[in-house]
PDB file of N, CA and C in Angstrom:
ATOM      1  N   MET A   1      -6.477-137.395 -28.710  1.00  0.00           N
ATOM      2  CA  MET A   1      -6.194-136.117 -28.728  1.00  0.00           C
ATOM      3  C   MET A   1      -5.992-135.518 -27.339  1.00  0.00           C
ATOM      4  N   HIS A   2      -5.054-134.668 -27.240  1.00  0.00           N
ATOM      5  CA  HIS A   2      -4.615-134.000 -25.938  1.00  0.00           C
ATOM      6  C   HIS A   2      -5.802-133.334 -25.216  1.00  0.00           C
ATOM      7  N   ARG A   3      -5.808-133.417 -23.924  1.00  0.00           N
ATOM      8  CA  ARG A   3      -6.792-132.834 -23.185  1.00  0.00           C
ATOM      9  C   ARG A   3      -6.932-131.345 -23.295  1.00  0.00           C
ATOM     10  N   THR A   4      -5.720-130.666 -23.572  1.00  0.00           N
ATOM     11  CA  THR A   4      -5.682-129.335 -23.741  1.00  0.00           C
ATOM     12  C   THR A   4      -6.301-128.934 -25.084  1.00  0.00           C
ATOM     13  N   ALA A   5      -6.195-129.693 -26.136  1.00  0.00           N
ATOM     14  CA  ALA A   5      -6.861-129.361 -27.316  1.00  0.00           C
ATOM     15  C   ALA A   5      -8.286-129.604 -27.251  1.00  0.00           C
ATOM     16  N   ILE A   6      -8.804-130.524 -26.520  1.00  0.00           N
ATOM     17  CA  ILE A   6     -10.186-130.679 -26.394  1.00  0.00           C
ATOM     18  C   ILE A   6     -10.781-129.532 -25.622  1.00  0.00           C
ATOM     19  N   THR A   7     -10.139-129.081 -24.510  1.00  0.00           N
ATOM     20  CA  THR A   7     -10.525-127.917 -23.815  1.00  0.00           C
ATOM     21  C   THR A   7     -10.565-126.787 -24.713  1.00  0.00           C
ATOM     22  N   LEU A   8      -9.600-126.498 -25.579  1.00  0.00           N
ATOM     23  CA  LEU A   8      -9.552-125.386 -26.443  1.00  0.00           C
ATOM     24  C   LEU A   8     -10.765-125.533 -27.422  1.00  0.00           C
ATOM     25  N   LEU A   9     -11.058-126.631 -27.978  1.00  0.00           N
ATOM     26  CA  LEU A   9     -12.199-126.851 -28.857  1.00  0.00           C
ATOM     27  C   LEU A   9     -13.463-126.449 -28.286  1.00  0.00           C
ATOM     28  N   ALA A  10     -13.643-126.917 -27.033  1.00  0.00           N
ATOM     29  CA  ALA A  10     -14.926-126.643 -26.271  1.00  0.00           C
ATOM     30  C   ALA A  10     -15.042-125.047 -26.035  1.00  0.00           C
ATOM     31  N   LEU A  11     -13.955-124.432 -25.699  1.00  0.00           N
ATOM     32  CA  LEU A  11     -14.132-123.025 -25.344  1.00  0.00           C
ATOM     33  C   LEU A  11     -14.218-122.201 -26.647  1.00  0.00           C
ATOM     34  N   LEU A  12     -13.673-122.600 -27.571  1.00  0.00           N
ATOM     35  CA  LEU A  12     -13.973-121.882 -28.985  1.00  0.00           C
ATOM     36  C   LEU A  12     -15.267-122.051 -29.526  1.00  0.00           C
ATOM     37  N   ALA A  13     -15.802-123.250 -29.315  1.00  0.00           N
ATOM     38  CA  ALA A  13     -17.189-123.480 -29.799  1.00  0.00           C
ATOM     39  C   ALA A  13     -18.254-122.806 -28.974  1.00  0.00           C
ATOM     40  N   ALA A  14     -17.953-122.594 -27.711  1.00  0.00           N
ATOM     41  CA  ALA A  14     -18.715-121.832 -26.818  1.00  0.00           C
ATOM     42  C   ALA A  14     -18.602-120.311 -27.042  1.00  0.00           C
ATOM     43  N   GLY A  15     -17.738-119.826 -27.715  1.00  0.00           N
ATOM     44  CA  GLY A  15     -17.529-118.451 -27.908  1.00  0.00           C
ATOM     45  C   GLY A  15     -16.878-117.768 -26.683  1.00  0.00           C
ATOM     46  N   SER A  16     -16.173-118.476 -25.784  1.00  0.00           N
ATOM     47  CA  SER A  16     -15.466-118.130 -24.645  1.00  0.00           C
ATOM     48  C   SER A  16     -14.008-117.789 -25.113  1.00  0.00           C
ATOM     49  N   PRO A  17     -13.351-116.995 -24.192  1.00  0.00           N
ATOM     50  CA  PRO A  17     -11.853-116.755 -24.606  1.00  0.00           C
ATOM     51  C   PRO A  17     -11.165-118.118 -24.618  1.00  0.00           C
ATOM     52  N   VAL A  18     -10.315-118.344 -25.417  1.00  0.00           N
ATOM     53  CA  VAL A  18      -9.574-119.541 -25.670  1.00  0.00           C
ATOM     54  C   VAL A  18      -8.306-119.467 -24.857  1.00  0.00           C
ATOM     55  N   LEU A  19      -8.323-120.021 -23.766  1.00  0.00           N
ATOM     56  CA  LEU A  19      -7.128-119.994 -22.892  1.00  0.00           C
ATOM     57  C   LEU A  19      -6.518-118.592 -22.752  1.00  0.00           C
ATOM     58  N   ALA A  20      -7.379-117.593 -22.700  1.00  0.00           N
ATOM     59  CA  ALA A  20      -6.851-116.226 -22.947  1.00  0.00           C
ATOM     60  C   ALA A  20      -6.370-115.608 -21.507  1.00  0.00           C
ATOM     61  N   GLN A  21      -5.579-114.666 -21.812  1.00  0.00           N
ATOM     62  CA  GLN A  21      -5.221-113.757 -20.640  1.00  0.00           C
ATOM     63  C   GLN A  21      -5.728-112.441 -20.966  1.00  0.00           C
ATOM     64  N   ASP A  22      -6.733-111.939 -20.213  1.00  0.00           N
ATOM     65  CA  ASP A  22      -7.327-110.758 -20.516  1.00  0.00           C
ATOM     66  C   ASP A  22      -7.930-110.393 -21.823  1.00  0.00           C
ATOM     67  N   ALA A  23      -8.255-111.414 -22.435  1.00  0.00           N
ATOM     68  CA  ALA A  23      -8.856-111.317 -23.802  1.00  0.00           C
ATOM     69  C   ALA A  23     -10.412-111.163 -23.770  1.00  0.00           C
ATOM     70  N   PRO A  24     -10.981-110.302 -24.520  1.00  0.00           N
ATOM     71  CA  PRO A  24     -12.407-110.120 -24.460  1.00  0.00           C
ATOM     72  C   PRO A  24     -13.117-111.382 -24.949  1.00  0.00           C
ATOM     73  N   GLU A  25     -14.532-111.508 -24.666  1.00  0.00           N
ATOM     74  CA  GLU A  25     -15.233-112.573 -25.054  1.00  0.00           C
ATOM     75  C   GLU A  25     -15.123-112.934 -26.559  1.00  0.00           C
ATOM     76  N   GLY A  26     -14.881-114.153 -26.755  1.00  0.00           N
ATOM     77  CA  GLY A  26     -14.795-114.639 -28.108  1.00  0.00           C
ATOM     78  C   GLY A  26     -13.682-114.076 -28.972  1.00  0.00           C
ATOM     79  N   ALA A  27     -12.670-113.496 -28.317  1.00  0.00           N
ATOM     80  CA  ALA A  27     -11.655-112.721 -29.072  1.00  0.00           C
ATOM     81  C   ALA A  27     -10.986-113.579 -30.236  1.00  0.00           C
ATOM     82  N   CYS A  28     -10.624-114.750 -29.939  1.00  0.00           N
ATOM     83  CA  CYS A  28      -9.914-115.587 -30.887  1.00  0.00           C
ATOM     84  C   CYS A  28     -10.591-116.361 -31.913  1.00  0.00           C
ATOM     85  N   SER A  29     -11.906-116.274 -31.778  1.00  0.00           N
ATOM     86  CA  SER A  29     -12.840-116.919 -32.812  1.00  0.00           C
ATOM     87  C   SER A  29     -12.485-116.180 -34.269  1.00  0.00           C
ATOM     88  N   LYS A  30     -12.031-115.051 -34.214  1.00  0.00           N
ATOM     89  CA  LYS A  30     -11.640-114.350 -35.525  1.00  0.00           C
ATOM     90  C   LYS A  30     -10.385-113.564 -35.197  1.00  0.00           C
ATOM     91  N   PRO A  31      -9.270-114.285 -35.055  1.00  0.00           N
ATOM     92  CA  PRO A  31      -7.958-113.680 -34.665  1.00  0.00           C
ATOM     93  C   PRO A  31      -7.409-112.538 -35.678  1.00  0.00           C
ATOM     94  N   ASP A  32      -6.788-111.577 -35.070  1.00  0.00           N
ATOM     95  CA  ASP A  32      -6.069-110.634 -35.946  1.00  0.00           C
ATOM     96  C   ASP A  32      -4.868-111.183 -36.570  1.00  0.00           C
ATOM     97  N   SER A  33      -4.200-112.075 -35.945  1.00  0.00           N
ATOM     98  CA  SER A  33      -2.928-112.616 -36.336  1.00  0.00           C
ATOM     99  C   SER A  33      -2.751-113.929 -35.905  1.00  0.00           C
ATOM    100  N   ILE A  34      -1.922-114.841 -36.454  1.00  0.00           N
ATOM    101  CA  ILE A  34      -1.427-116.032 -36.130  1.00  0.00           C
ATOM    102  C   ILE A  34      -0.063-116.142 -35.678  1.00  0.00           C
ATOM    103  N   GLY A  35       0.394-116.588 -34.651  1.00  0.00           N
ATOM    104  CA  GLY A  35       1.591-116.718 -34.054  1.00  0.00           C
ATOM    105  C   GLY A  35       2.107-118.159 -33.871  1.00  0.00           C
ATOM    106  N   VAL A  36       3.462-118.273 -33.778  1.00  0.00           N
ATOM    107  CA  VAL A  36       3.969-119.672 -33.397  1.00  0.00           C
ATOM    108  C   VAL A  36       4.932-119.443 -32.214  1.00  0.00           C
ATOM    109  N   ARG A  37       4.929-120.333 -31.279  1.00  0.00           N
ATOM    110  CA  ARG A  37       5.816-120.311 -30.119  1.00  0.00           C
ATOM    111  C   ARG A  37       6.395-121.723 -29.834  1.00  0.00           C
ATOM    112  N   GLY A  38       7.702-121.832 -29.365  1.00  0.00           N
ATOM    113  CA  GLY A  38       8.212-123.049 -29.099  1.00  0.00           C
ATOM    114  C   GLY A  38       8.984-123.737 -30.039  1.00  0.00           C
ATOM    115  N   ASN A  39       8.945-123.216 -31.288  1.00  0.00           N
ATOM    116  CA  ASN A  39       9.821-123.829 -32.405  1.00  0.00           C
ATOM    117  C   ASN A  39      11.315-123.551 -32.241  1.00  0.00           C
ATOM    118  N   VAL A  40      12.133-124.512 -32.670  1.00  0.00           N
ATOM    119  CA  VAL A  40      13.552-124.389 -32.544  1.00  0.00           C
ATOM    120  C   VAL A  40      14.064-124.658 -33.973  1.00  0.00           C
ATOM    121  N   ARG A  41      13.867-125.874 -34.385  1.00  0.00           N
ATOM    122  CA  ARG A  41      14.394-126.313 -35.784  1.00  0.00           C
ATOM    123  C   ARG A  41      13.497-125.957 -36.886  1.00  0.00           C
ATOM    124  N   ILE A  42      12.255-125.927 -36.786  1.00  0.00           N
ATOM    125  CA  ILE A  42      11.312-125.753 -37.810  1.00  0.00           C
ATOM    126  C   ILE A  42      10.875-124.288 -37.892  1.00  0.00           C
ATOM    127  N   PRO A  43      11.193-123.701 -39.087  1.00  0.00           N
ATOM    128  CA  PRO A  43      10.712-122.204 -39.045  1.00  0.00           C
ATOM    129  C   PRO A  43       9.131-121.908 -38.875  1.00  0.00           C
ATOM    130  N   GLU A  44       8.908-120.774 -38.337  1.00  0.00           N
ATOM    131  CA  GLU A  44       7.661-120.348 -38.087  1.00  0.00           C
ATOM    132  C   GLU A  44       6.700-120.401 -39.196  1.00  0.00           C
ATOM    133  N   SER A  45       7.299-119.974 -40.434  1.00  0.00           N
ATOM    134  CA  SER A  45       6.336-119.956 -41.545  1.00  0.00           C
ATOM    135  C   SER A  45       6.003-121.453 -42.086  1.00  0.00           C
ATOM    136  N   VAL A  46       6.890-122.453 -41.672  1.00  0.00           N
ATOM    137  CA  VAL A  46       6.414-123.727 -42.078  1.00  0.00           C
ATOM    138  C   VAL A  46       5.313-124.189 -41.301  1.00  0.00           C
ATOM    139  N   ILE A  47       5.427-123.958 -39.877  1.00  0.00           N
ATOM    140  CA  ILE A  47       4.286-124.406 -38.945  1.00  0.00           C
ATOM    141  C   ILE A  47       3.027-123.755 -39.170  1.00  0.00           C
ATOM    142  N   ARG A  48       3.119-122.465 -39.628  1.00  0.00           N
ATOM    143  CA  ARG A  48       1.940-121.778 -40.034  1.00  0.00           C
ATOM    144  C   ARG A  48       1.341-122.426 -41.274  1.00  0.00           C
ATOM    145  N   GLY A  49       2.141-122.896 -42.137  1.00  0.00           N
ATOM    146  CA  GLY A  49       1.606-123.585 -43.270  1.00  0.00           C
ATOM    147  C   GLY A  49       0.965-124.810 -43.023  1.00  0.00           C
ATOM    148  N   TYR A  50       1.605-125.651 -42.004  1.00  0.00           N
ATOM    149  CA  TYR A  50       0.883-126.853 -41.646  1.00  0.00           C
ATOM    150  C   TYR A  50      -0.459-126.528 -40.913  1.00  0.00           C
ATOM    151  N   ALA A  51      -0.590-125.434 -40.032  1.00  0.00           N
ATOM    152  CA  ALA A  51      -1.659-125.151 -39.235  1.00  0.00           C
ATOM    153  C   ALA A  51      -2.762-124.701 -40.244  1.00  0.00           C
ATOM    154  N   ALA A  52      -2.483-124.043 -41.220  1.00  0.00           N
ATOM    155  CA  ALA A  52      -3.402-123.411 -42.280  1.00  0.00           C
ATOM    156  C   ALA A  52      -4.502-122.667 -41.526  1.00  0.00           C
ATOM    157  N   LEU A  53      -4.118-121.734 -40.608  1.00  0.00           N
ATOM    158  CA  LEU A  53      -5.253-120.879 -40.093  1.00  0.00           C
ATOM    159  C   LEU A  53      -4.958-119.500 -40.616  1.00  0.00           C
ATOM    160  N   THR A  54      -6.226-118.853 -40.846  1.00  0.00           N
ATOM    161  CA  THR A  54      -6.030-117.501 -41.585  1.00  0.00           C
ATOM    162  C   THR A  54      -6.457-116.394 -40.640  1.00  0.00           C
ATOM    163  N   PRO A  55      -5.765-115.266 -40.478  1.00  0.00           N
ATOM    164  CA  PRO A  55      -6.064-114.225 -39.584  1.00  0.00           C
ATOM    165  C   PRO A  55      -7.285-113.507 -40.308  1.00  0.00           C
ATOM    166  N   GLY A  56      -8.229-113.043 -39.410  1.00  0.00           N
ATOM    167  CA  GLY A  56      -9.292-112.221 -39.838  1.00  0.00           C
ATOM    168  C   GLY A  56     -10.446-113.118 -40.332  1.00  0.00           C
ATOM    169  N   VAL A  57     -10.399-114.410 -40.274  1.00  0.00           N
ATOM    170  CA  VAL A  57     -11.476-115.283 -40.822  1.00  0.00           C
ATOM    171  C   VAL A  57     -12.114-116.002 -39.604  1.00  0.00           C
ATOM    172  N   GLN A  58     -13.368-116.042 -39.544  1.00  0.00           N
ATOM    173  CA  GLN A  58     -14.177-116.687 -38.495  1.00  0.00           C
ATOM    174  C   GLN A  58     -13.722-118.231 -38.429  1.00  0.00           C
ATOM    175  N   LEU A  59     -13.295-118.703 -37.093  1.00  0.00           N
ATOM    176  CA  LEU A  59     -12.742-120.048 -36.909  1.00  0.00           C
ATOM    177  C   LEU A  59     -13.837-120.849 -36.135  1.00  0.00           C
ATOM    178  N   SER A  60     -13.985-122.149 -36.441  1.00  0.00           N
ATOM    179  CA  SER A  60     -14.776-123.037 -35.723  1.00  0.00           C
ATOM    180  C   SER A  60     -13.912-124.063 -35.089  1.00  0.00           C
ATOM    181  N   PHE A  61     -14.443-124.754 -34.168  1.00  0.00           N
ATOM    182  CA  PHE A  61     -13.723-125.711 -33.471  1.00  0.00           C
ATOM    183  C   PHE A  61     -13.108-126.633 -34.351  1.00  0.00           C
ATOM    184  N   ARG A  62     -13.795-127.029 -35.421  1.00  0.00           N
ATOM    185  CA  ARG A  62     -13.293-127.928 -36.617  1.00  0.00           C
ATOM    186  C   ARG A  62     -11.937-127.450 -37.212  1.00  0.00           C
ATOM    187  N   ASP A  63     -12.012-126.118 -37.427  1.00  0.00           N
ATOM    188  CA  ASP A  63     -10.796-125.511 -37.988  1.00  0.00           C
ATOM    189  C   ASP A  63      -9.615-125.730 -37.137  1.00  0.00           C
ATOM    190  N   VAL A  64      -9.735-125.487 -35.797  1.00  0.00           N
ATOM    191  CA  VAL A  64      -8.694-125.566 -34.920  1.00  0.00           C
ATOM    192  C   VAL A  64      -8.303-127.036 -34.712  1.00  0.00           C
ATOM    193  N   GLN A  65      -9.201-127.958 -34.785  1.00  0.00           N
ATOM    194  CA  GLN A  65      -8.998-129.411 -34.594  1.00  0.00           C
ATOM    195  C   GLN A  65      -8.264-129.804 -35.818  1.00  0.00           C
ATOM    196  N   ARG A  66      -8.512-129.481 -37.049  1.00  0.00           N
ATOM    197  CA  ARG A  66      -7.755-129.849 -38.310  1.00  0.00           C
ATOM    198  C   ARG A  66      -6.364-129.317 -38.137  1.00  0.00           C
ATOM    199  N   SER A  67      -6.281-128.063 -37.744  1.00  0.00           N
ATOM    200  CA  SER A  67      -4.867-127.493 -37.554  1.00  0.00           C
ATOM    201  C   SER A  67      -4.028-128.170 -36.706  1.00  0.00           C
ATOM    202  N   ILE A  68      -4.601-128.679 -35.375  1.00  0.00           N
ATOM    203  CA  ILE A  68      -3.676-129.415 -34.454  1.00  0.00           C
ATOM    204  C   ILE A  68      -3.346-130.722 -35.078  1.00  0.00           C
ATOM    205  N   LYS A  69      -4.334-131.462 -35.656  1.00  0.00           N
ATOM    206  CA  LYS A  69      -4.098-132.688 -36.309  1.00  0.00           C
ATOM    207  C   LYS A  69      -3.019-132.752 -37.402  1.00  0.00           C
ATOM    208  N   ALA A  70      -3.147-131.575 -38.220  1.00  0.00           N
ATOM    209  CA  ALA A  70      -2.214-131.423 -39.300  1.00  0.00           C
ATOM    210  C   ALA A  70      -0.679-131.167 -38.798  1.00  0.00           C
ATOM    211  N   VAL A  71      -0.626-130.387 -37.765  1.00  0.00           N
ATOM    212  CA  VAL A  71       0.811-130.236 -37.176  1.00  0.00           C
ATOM    213  C   VAL A  71       1.279-131.463 -36.529  1.00  0.00           C
ATOM    214  N   PHE A  72       0.519-132.220 -35.756  1.00  0.00           N
ATOM    215  CA  PHE A  72       0.901-133.397 -35.251  1.00  0.00           C
ATOM    216  C   PHE A  72       1.241-134.355 -36.326  1.00  0.00           C
ATOM    217  N   ALA A  73       0.510-134.445 -37.339  1.00  0.00           N
ATOM    218  CA  ALA A  73       0.812-135.406 -38.520  1.00  0.00           C
ATOM    219  C   ALA A  73       2.181-135.194 -39.053  1.00  0.00           C
ATOM    220  N   THR A  74       2.920-134.259 -38.914  1.00  0.00           N
ATOM    221  CA  THR A  74       4.208-134.057 -39.497  1.00  0.00           C
ATOM    222  C   THR A  74       5.174-135.025 -38.698  1.00  0.00           C
ATOM    223  N   GLY A  75       4.898-135.413 -37.512  1.00  0.00           N
ATOM    224  CA  GLY A  75       5.744-136.328 -36.760  1.00  0.00           C
ATOM    225  C   GLY A  75       6.850-135.426 -36.016  1.00  0.00           C
ATOM    226  N   GLN A  76       6.809-134.164 -36.111  1.00  0.00           N
ATOM    227  CA  GLN A  76       8.051-133.329 -35.575  1.00  0.00           C
ATOM    228  C   GLN A  76       7.740-132.876 -34.264  1.00  0.00           C
ATOM    229  N   TYR A  77       6.579-133.140 -33.567  1.00  0.00           N
ATOM    230  CA  TYR A  77       6.109-132.448 -32.311  1.00  0.00           C
ATOM    231  C   TYR A  77       5.707-133.507 -31.324  1.00  0.00           C
ATOM    232  N   ASP A  78       6.091-133.155 -30.000  1.00  0.00           N
ATOM    233  CA  ASP A  78       5.579-134.050 -28.961  1.00  0.00           C
ATOM    234  C   ASP A  78       4.172-133.446 -28.380  1.00  0.00           C
ATOM    235  N   ASP A  79       4.086-132.126 -28.595  1.00  0.00           N
ATOM    236  CA  ASP A  79       2.810-131.563 -28.049  1.00  0.00           C
ATOM    237  C   ASP A  79       2.494-130.354 -28.961  1.00  0.00           C
ATOM    238  N   VAL A  80       1.256-130.122 -29.140  1.00  0.00           N
ATOM    239  CA  VAL A  80       0.824-128.868 -29.878  1.00  0.00           C
ATOM    240  C   VAL A  80      -0.466-128.425 -29.111  1.00  0.00           C
ATOM    241  N   LYS A  81      -0.475-127.024 -29.002  1.00  0.00           N
ATOM    242  CA  LYS A  81      -1.530-126.412 -28.366  1.00  0.00           C
ATOM    243  C   LYS A  81      -1.871-125.141 -29.184  1.00  0.00           C
ATOM    244  N   VAL A  82      -3.030-124.693 -29.083  1.00  0.00           N
ATOM    245  CA  VAL A  82      -3.447-123.501 -29.636  1.00  0.00           C
ATOM    246  C   VAL A  82      -4.134-122.556 -28.679  1.00  0.00           C
ATOM    247  N   VAL A  83      -3.598-121.464 -28.361  1.00  0.00           N
ATOM    248  CA  VAL A  83      -3.967-120.600 -27.217  1.00  0.00           C
ATOM    249  C   VAL A  83      -4.236-119.163 -27.848  1.00  0.00           C
ATOM    250  N   CYS A  84      -5.104-118.434 -27.050  1.00  0.00           N
ATOM    251  CA  CYS A  84      -5.309-117.030 -27.427  1.00  0.00           C
ATOM    252  C   CYS A  84      -4.558-116.025 -26.564  1.00  0.00           C
ATOM    253  N   ALA A  85      -4.039-115.039 -27.145  1.00  0.00           N
ATOM    254  CA  ALA A  85      -3.244-114.127 -26.411  1.00  0.00           C
ATOM    255  C   ALA A  85      -3.507-112.581 -27.020  1.00  0.00           C
ATOM    256  N   GLN A  86      -3.188-111.682 -26.252  1.00  0.00           N
ATOM    257  CA  GLN A  86      -3.288-110.266 -26.841  1.00  0.00           C
ATOM    258  C   GLN A  86      -1.982-109.598 -26.847  1.00  0.00           C
ATOM    259  N   ALA A  87      -1.593-109.060 -27.827  1.00  0.00           N
ATOM    260  CA  ALA A  87      -0.342-108.338 -28.165  1.00  0.00           C
ATOM    261  C   ALA A  87      -0.572-107.036 -28.748  1.00  0.00           C
ATOM    262  N   GLY A  88      -0.300-105.889 -28.195  1.00  0.00           N
ATOM    263  CA  GLY A  88      -0.524-104.723 -28.777  1.00  0.00           C
ATOM    264  C   GLY A  88      -1.881-104.331 -29.061  1.00  0.00           C
ATOM    265  N   GLY A  89      -2.897-104.839 -28.324  1.00  0.00           N
ATOM    266  CA  GLY A  89      -4.329-104.498 -28.624  1.00  0.00           C
ATOM    267  C   GLY A  89      -5.032-105.527 -29.568  1.00  0.00           C
ATOM    268  N   LYS A  90      -4.063-106.436 -30.120  1.00  0.00           N
ATOM    269  CA  LYS A  90      -4.646-107.386 -31.133  1.00  0.00           C
ATOM    270  C   LYS A  90      -4.866-108.688 -30.494  1.00  0.00           C
ATOM    271  N   ASN A  91      -5.668-109.454 -31.094  1.00  0.00           N
ATOM    272  CA  ASN A  91      -5.987-110.858 -30.651  1.00  0.00           C
ATOM    273  C   ASN A  91      -5.132-111.842 -31.597  1.00  0.00           C
ATOM    274  N   VAL A  92      -4.385-112.570 -30.878  1.00  0.00           N
ATOM    275  CA  VAL A  92      -3.365-113.431 -31.487  1.00  0.00           C
ATOM    276  C   VAL A  92      -3.665-114.860 -31.186  1.00  0.00           C
ATOM    277  N   LEU A  93      -3.836-115.679 -32.214  1.00  0.00           N
ATOM    278  CA  LEU A  93      -4.058-117.147 -32.048  1.00  0.00           C
ATOM    279  C   LEU A  93      -2.627-117.685 -32.119  1.00  0.00           C
ATOM    280  N   VAL A  94      -2.121-118.300 -31.106  1.00  0.00           N
ATOM    281  CA  VAL A  94      -0.822-118.792 -31.059  1.00  0.00           C
ATOM    282  C   VAL A  94      -0.771-120.403 -31.061  1.00  0.00           C
ATOM    283  N   VAL A  95       0.015-120.842 -31.961  1.00  0.00           N
ATOM    284  CA  VAL A  95       0.280-122.301 -32.137  1.00  0.00           C
ATOM    285  C   VAL A  95       1.605-122.611 -31.358  1.00  0.00           C
ATOM    286  N   GLU A  96       1.333-123.258 -30.110  1.00  0.00           N
ATOM    287  CA  GLU A  96       2.458-123.588 -29.326  1.00  0.00           C
ATOM    288  C   GLU A  96       2.907-125.016 -29.548  1.00  0.00           C
ATOM    289  N   VAL A  97       4.193-125.272 -29.877  1.00  0.00           N
ATOM    290  CA  VAL A  97       4.668-126.586 -30.172  1.00  0.00           C
ATOM    291  C   VAL A  97       5.785-126.925 -29.265  1.00  0.00           C
ATOM    292  N   LYS A  98       5.903-128.196 -29.083  1.00  0.00           N
ATOM    293  CA  LYS A  98       7.110-128.853 -28.406  1.00  0.00           C
ATOM    294  C   LYS A  98       7.652-129.802 -29.295  1.00  0.00           C
ATOM    295  N   GLU A  99       8.926-129.357 -29.808  1.00  0.00           N
ATOM    296  CA  GLU A  99       9.465-130.129 -30.824  1.00  0.00           C
ATOM    297  C   GLU A  99      10.074-131.561 -30.256  1.00  0.00           C
ATOM    298  N   ARG A 100      10.105-132.517 -31.042  1.00  0.00           N
ATOM    299  CA  ARG A 100      10.494-133.864 -30.605  1.00  0.00           C
ATOM    300  C   ARG A 100      11.996-133.706 -30.694  1.00  0.00           C
ATOM    301  N   PRO A 101      12.759-134.346 -29.793  1.00  0.00           N
ATOM    302  CA  PRO A 101      14.226-134.334 -29.829  1.00  0.00           C
ATOM    303  C   PRO A 101      14.774-135.105 -30.941  1.00  0.00           C
ATOM    304  N   VAL A 102      15.928-134.702 -31.471  1.00  0.00           N
ATOM    305  CA  VAL A 102      16.474-135.461 -32.646  1.00  0.00           C
ATOM    306  C   VAL A 102      17.849-136.074 -32.095  1.00  0.00           C
ATOM    307  N   LEU A 103      18.175-137.063 -32.812  1.00  0.00           N
ATOM    308  CA  LEU A 103      19.451-137.797 -32.389  1.00  0.00           C
ATOM    309  C   LEU A 103      20.673-136.841 -32.711  1.00  0.00           C
ATOM    310  N   GLN A 104      21.401-136.558 -31.812  1.00  0.00           N
ATOM    311  CA  GLN A 104      22.539-135.532 -31.863  1.00  0.00           C
ATOM    312  C   GLN A 104      23.933-136.231 -32.185  1.00  0.00           C
ATOM    313  N   SER A 105      24.064-137.565 -31.722  1.00  0.00           N
ATOM    314  CA  SER A 105      25.251-138.239 -31.951  1.00  0.00           C
ATOM    315  C   SER A 105      25.066-139.856 -31.630  1.00  0.00           C
ATOM    316  N   PHE A 106      25.929-140.613 -32.146  1.00  0.00           N
ATOM    317  CA  PHE A 106      25.806-142.033 -31.850  1.00  0.00           C
ATOM    318  C   PHE A 106      27.208-142.642 -31.828  1.00  0.00           C
ATOM    319  N   LYS A 107      27.414-143.771 -31.263  1.00  0.00           N
ATOM    320  CA  LYS A 107      28.629-144.319 -31.155  1.00  0.00           C
ATOM    321  C   LYS A 107      28.403-145.915 -31.283  1.00  0.00           C
ATOM    322  N   VAL A 108      29.293-146.433 -32.191  1.00  0.00           N
ATOM    323  CA  VAL A 108      29.190-147.988 -32.273  1.00  0.00           C
ATOM    324  C   VAL A 108      30.229-148.632 -31.661  1.00  0.00           C
ATOM    325  N   ILE A 109      30.009-149.584 -30.770  1.00  0.00           N
ATOM    326  CA  ILE A 109      30.965-150.178 -30.034  1.00  0.00           C
ATOM    327  C   ILE A 109      30.787-151.740 -30.458  1.00  0.00           C
ATOM    328  N   GLY A 110      31.828-152.302 -31.030  1.00  0.00           N
ATOM    329  CA  GLY A 110      31.641-153.796 -31.401  1.00  0.00           C
ATOM    330  C   GLY A 110      32.764-154.188 -32.289  1.00  0.00           C
ATOM    331  N   VAL A 111      32.356-155.065 -33.231  1.00  0.00           N
ATOM    332  CA  VAL A 111      33.321-155.773 -34.020  1.00  0.00           C
ATOM    333  C   VAL A 111      34.036-154.716 -35.009  1.00  0.00           C
ATOM    334  N   ASP A 112      35.342-154.864 -35.044  1.00  0.00           N
ATOM    335  CA  ASP A 112      36.203-154.062 -36.047  1.00  0.00           C
ATOM    336  C   ASP A 112      36.141-154.679 -37.385  1.00  0.00           C
ATOM    337  N   ARG A 113      36.124-153.842 -38.376  1.00  0.00           N
ATOM    338  CA  ARG A 113      36.188-154.339 -39.739  1.00  0.00           C
ATOM    339  C   ARG A 113      37.592-154.240 -40.305  1.00  0.00           C
ATOM    340  N   HIS A 114      38.092-155.382 -40.952  1.00  0.00           N
ATOM    341  CA  HIS A 114      39.442-155.385 -41.511  1.00  0.00           C
ATOM    342  C   HIS A 114      39.414-155.275 -43.016  1.00  0.00           C
TER     343      HIS A 114
END
């Protein structure tokens, strides 16, 4: 598991802000909403489905751990993080992804077929 995910789990379990910027104590243990950042090819709704995190529900470190593992299990991402942010006075749990590159083109050089 990535070091960031382990840090997140420890902070969530301790009731501390989860990698938060100006978020109050334990703010994202019961987030107001779930967001996604860093996606290009995969729609946000699909990533939310993989993550299976529900806004307004008390989260444990196991919930976040399962979420990260589920997103990684798709094979579409090089990195997955879950961070806490505030937007418009709301606590948002954000699933940050780094998508794996896809093959854009290829060229075959070799024997000609007759």
